[in-house]
């Protein structure tokens, strides 16, 4: 009687462990893997977005530098014109 009872417990534990393993495997395949693929895809998208944004920022900064140079040149030209205009009066 005790031996049979112990065998039944062992058998039930084996079945529960087997079913738990199947459930864990299915959970991994159904939930974890698609979620991981989505996370990886999002990560790649964010990397591409960062690169694109960095390139655009660099272009804008370069354009700002050129405009600063032009503005400085124009300021100097305006000052020269006003100085030249006052000396002729």
C-alpha atoms as a PDB file:
ATOM      1  CA  UNK A   1       0.000   0.000   0.000  1.00  0.00           C
ATOM      2  CA  UNK A   2       2.725   2.474   0.934  1.00  0.00           C
ATOM      3  CA  UNK A   3       4.797   1.474  -2.077  1.00  0.00           C
ATOM      4  CA  UNK A   4       1.848   1.971  -4.402  1.00  0.00           C
ATOM      5  CA  UNK A   5       1.094   5.352  -2.824  1.00  0.00           C
ATOM      6  CA  UNK A   6       4.741   6.438  -3.287  1.00  0.00           C
ATOM      7  CA  UNK A   7       4.660   5.269  -6.907  1.00  0.00           C
ATOM      8  CA  UNK A   8       1.492   7.265  -7.550  1.00  0.00           C
ATOM      9  CA  UNK A   9       3.058  10.407  -6.082  1.00  0.00           C
ATOM     10  CA  UNK A  10       6.165   9.890  -8.203  1.00  0.00           C
ATOM     11  CA  UNK A  11       4.018   9.299 -11.265  1.00  0.00           C
ATOM     12  CA  UNK A  12       1.961  12.472 -10.592  1.00  0.00           C
ATOM     13  CA  UNK A  13       5.133  14.514 -10.030  1.00  0.00           C
ATOM     14  CA  UNK A  14       6.531  13.206 -13.312  1.00  0.00           C
ATOM     15  CA  UNK A  15       3.363  14.086 -15.219  1.00  0.00           C
ATOM     16  CA  UNK A  16       3.155  17.562 -13.636  1.00  0.00           C
ATOM     17  CA  UNK A  17       6.826  18.184 -14.430  1.00  0.00           C
ATOM     18  CA  UNK A  18       6.329  17.045 -18.021  1.00  0.00           C
ATOM     19  CA  UNK A  19       3.237  19.235 -18.462  1.00  0.00           C
ATOM     20  CA  UNK A  20       5.079  22.153 -16.832  1.00  0.00           C
ATOM     21  CA  UNK A  21       7.951  21.691 -19.281  1.00  0.00           C
ATOM     22  CA  UNK A  22       5.553  21.711 -22.211  1.00  0.00           C
ATOM     23  CA  UNK A  23       3.822  24.815 -20.825  1.00  0.00           C
ATOM     24  CA  UNK A  24       7.169  26.588 -20.373  1.00  0.00           C
ATOM     25  CA  UNK A  25       8.234  25.634 -23.908  1.00  0.00           C
ATOM     26  CA  UNK A  26       4.942  26.861 -25.389  1.00  0.00           C
ATOM     27  CA  UNK A  27       5.107  30.086 -23.378  1.00  0.00           C
ATOM     28  CA  UNK A  28       8.606  30.693 -24.695  1.00  0.00           C
ATOM     29  CA  UNK A  29       7.562  30.025 -28.308  1.00  0.00           C
ATOM     30  CA  UNK A  30       4.260  31.899 -28.186  1.00  0.00           C
ATOM     31  CA  UNK A  31       5.139  34.868 -25.972  1.00  0.00           C
ATOM     32  CA  UNK A  32       8.856  35.315 -25.391  1.00  0.00           C
ATOM     33  CA  UNK A  33      10.237  34.800 -28.917  1.00  0.00           C
ATOM     34  CA  UNK A  34       7.809  37.190 -30.683  1.00  0.00           C
ATOM     35  CA  UNK A  35       8.360  39.733 -27.928  1.00  0.00           C
ATOM     36  CA  UNK A  36      12.138  39.405 -28.297  1.00  0.00           C
ATOM     37  CA  UNK A  37      11.846  39.836 -32.074  1.00  0.00           C
ATOM     38  CA  UNK A  38       9.760  42.973 -31.567  1.00  0.00           C
ATOM     39  CA  UNK A  39      12.276  44.363 -29.082  1.00  0.00           C
ATOM     40  CA  UNK A  40      15.161  43.651 -31.482  1.00  0.00           C
ATOM     41  CA  UNK A  41      13.270  45.308 -34.341  1.00  0.00           C
ATOM     42  CA  UNK A  42      12.514  48.347 -32.198  1.00  0.00           C
ATOM     43  CA  UNK A  43      16.170  48.517 -31.164  1.00  0.00           C
ATOM     44  CA  UNK A  44      17.289  48.530 -34.815  1.00  0.00           C
ATOM     45  CA  UNK A  45      14.714  51.184 -35.667  1.00  0.00           C
ATOM     46  CA  UNK A  46      15.956  53.374 -32.818  1.00  0.00           C
ATOM     47  CA  UNK A  47      19.581  52.926 -33.921  1.00  0.00           C
ATOM     48  CA  UNK A  48      18.665  53.954 -37.476  1.00  0.00           C
ATOM     49  CA  UNK A  49      16.682  56.920 -36.135  1.00  0.00           C
ATOM     50  CA  UNK A  50      19.640  58.023 -34.006  1.00  0.00           C
ATOM     51  CA  UNK A  51      22.034  57.817 -36.948  1.00  0.00           C
ATOM     52  CA  UNK A  52      19.659  59.755 -39.160  1.00  0.00           C
ATOM     53  CA  UNK A  53      19.089  62.376 -36.501  1.00  0.00           C
ATOM     54  CA  UNK A  54      22.820  62.715 -35.845  1.00  0.00           C
ATOM     55  CA  UNK A  55      23.453  63.235 -39.563  1.00  0.00           C
ATOM     56  CA  UNK A  56      20.728  65.883 -39.775  1.00  0.00           C
ATOM     57  CA  UNK A  57      22.036  67.661 -36.681  1.00  0.00           C
ATOM     58  CA  UNK A  58      25.535  67.700 -38.161  1.00  0.00           C
ATOM     59  CA  UNK A  59      24.217  69.180 -41.410  1.00  0.00           C
ATOM     60  CA  UNK A  60      22.241  71.825 -39.532  1.00  0.00           C
ATOM     61  CA  UNK A  61      25.261  72.724 -37.387  1.00  0.00           C
ATOM     62  CA  UNK A  62      27.405  73.050 -40.518  1.00  0.00           C
ATOM     63  CA  UNK A  63      24.793  75.287 -42.100  1.00  0.00           C
ATOM     64  CA  UNK A  64      24.653  77.426 -38.947  1.00  0.00           C
ATOM     65  CA  UNK A  65      28.440  77.827 -39.061  1.00  0.00           C
ATOM     66  CA  UNK A  66      28.258  79.006 -42.686  1.00  0.00           C
ATOM     67  CA  UNK A  67      25.478  81.457 -41.828  1.00  0.00           C
ATOM     68  CA  UNK A  68      27.489  82.800 -38.889  1.00  0.00           C
ATOM     69  CA  UNK A  69      30.436  83.418 -41.212  1.00  0.00           C
ATOM     70  CA  UNK A  70      28.196  85.195 -43.738  1.00  0.00           C
ATOM     71  CA  UNK A  71      26.597  87.287 -41.019  1.00  0.00           C
ATOM     72  CA  UNK A  72      29.991  88.300 -39.644  1.00  0.00           C
ATOM     73  CA  UNK A  73      31.138  89.233 -43.154  1.00  0.00           C
ATOM     74  CA  UNK A  74      27.959  91.244 -43.774  1.00  0.00           C
ATOM     75  CA  UNK A  75      28.335  93.032 -40.441  1.00  0.00           C
ATOM     76  CA  UNK A  76      31.873  94.021 -41.375  1.00  0.00           C
ATOM     77  CA  UNK A  77      30.729  95.192 -44.804  1.00  0.00           C
ATOM     78  CA  UNK A  78      27.948  97.292 -43.270  1.00  0.00           C
ATOM     79  CA  UNK A  79      30.374  98.850 -40.784  1.00  0.00           C
ATOM     80  CA  UNK A  80      32.790  99.617 -43.617  1.00  0.00           C
ATOM     81  CA  UNK A  81      30.028 101.226 -45.692  1.00  0.00           C
ATOM     82  CA  UNK A  82      28.881 103.410 -42.802  1.00  0.00           C
ATOM     83  CA  UNK A  83      32.435 104.448 -41.975  1.00  0.00           C
ATOM     84  CA  UNK A  84      33.077 105.252 -45.626  1.00  0.00           C
ATOM     85  CA  UNK A  85      29.831 107.215 -45.877  1.00  0.00           C
ATOM     86  CA  UNK A  86      30.607 109.351 -42.824  1.00  0.00           C
ATOM     87  CA  UNK A  87      34.103 110.292 -44.013  1.00  0.00           C
ATOM     88  CA  UNK A  88      32.725 111.652 -47.327  1.00  0.00           C
ATOM     89  CA  UNK A  89      30.327 114.072 -45.591  1.00  0.00           C
END
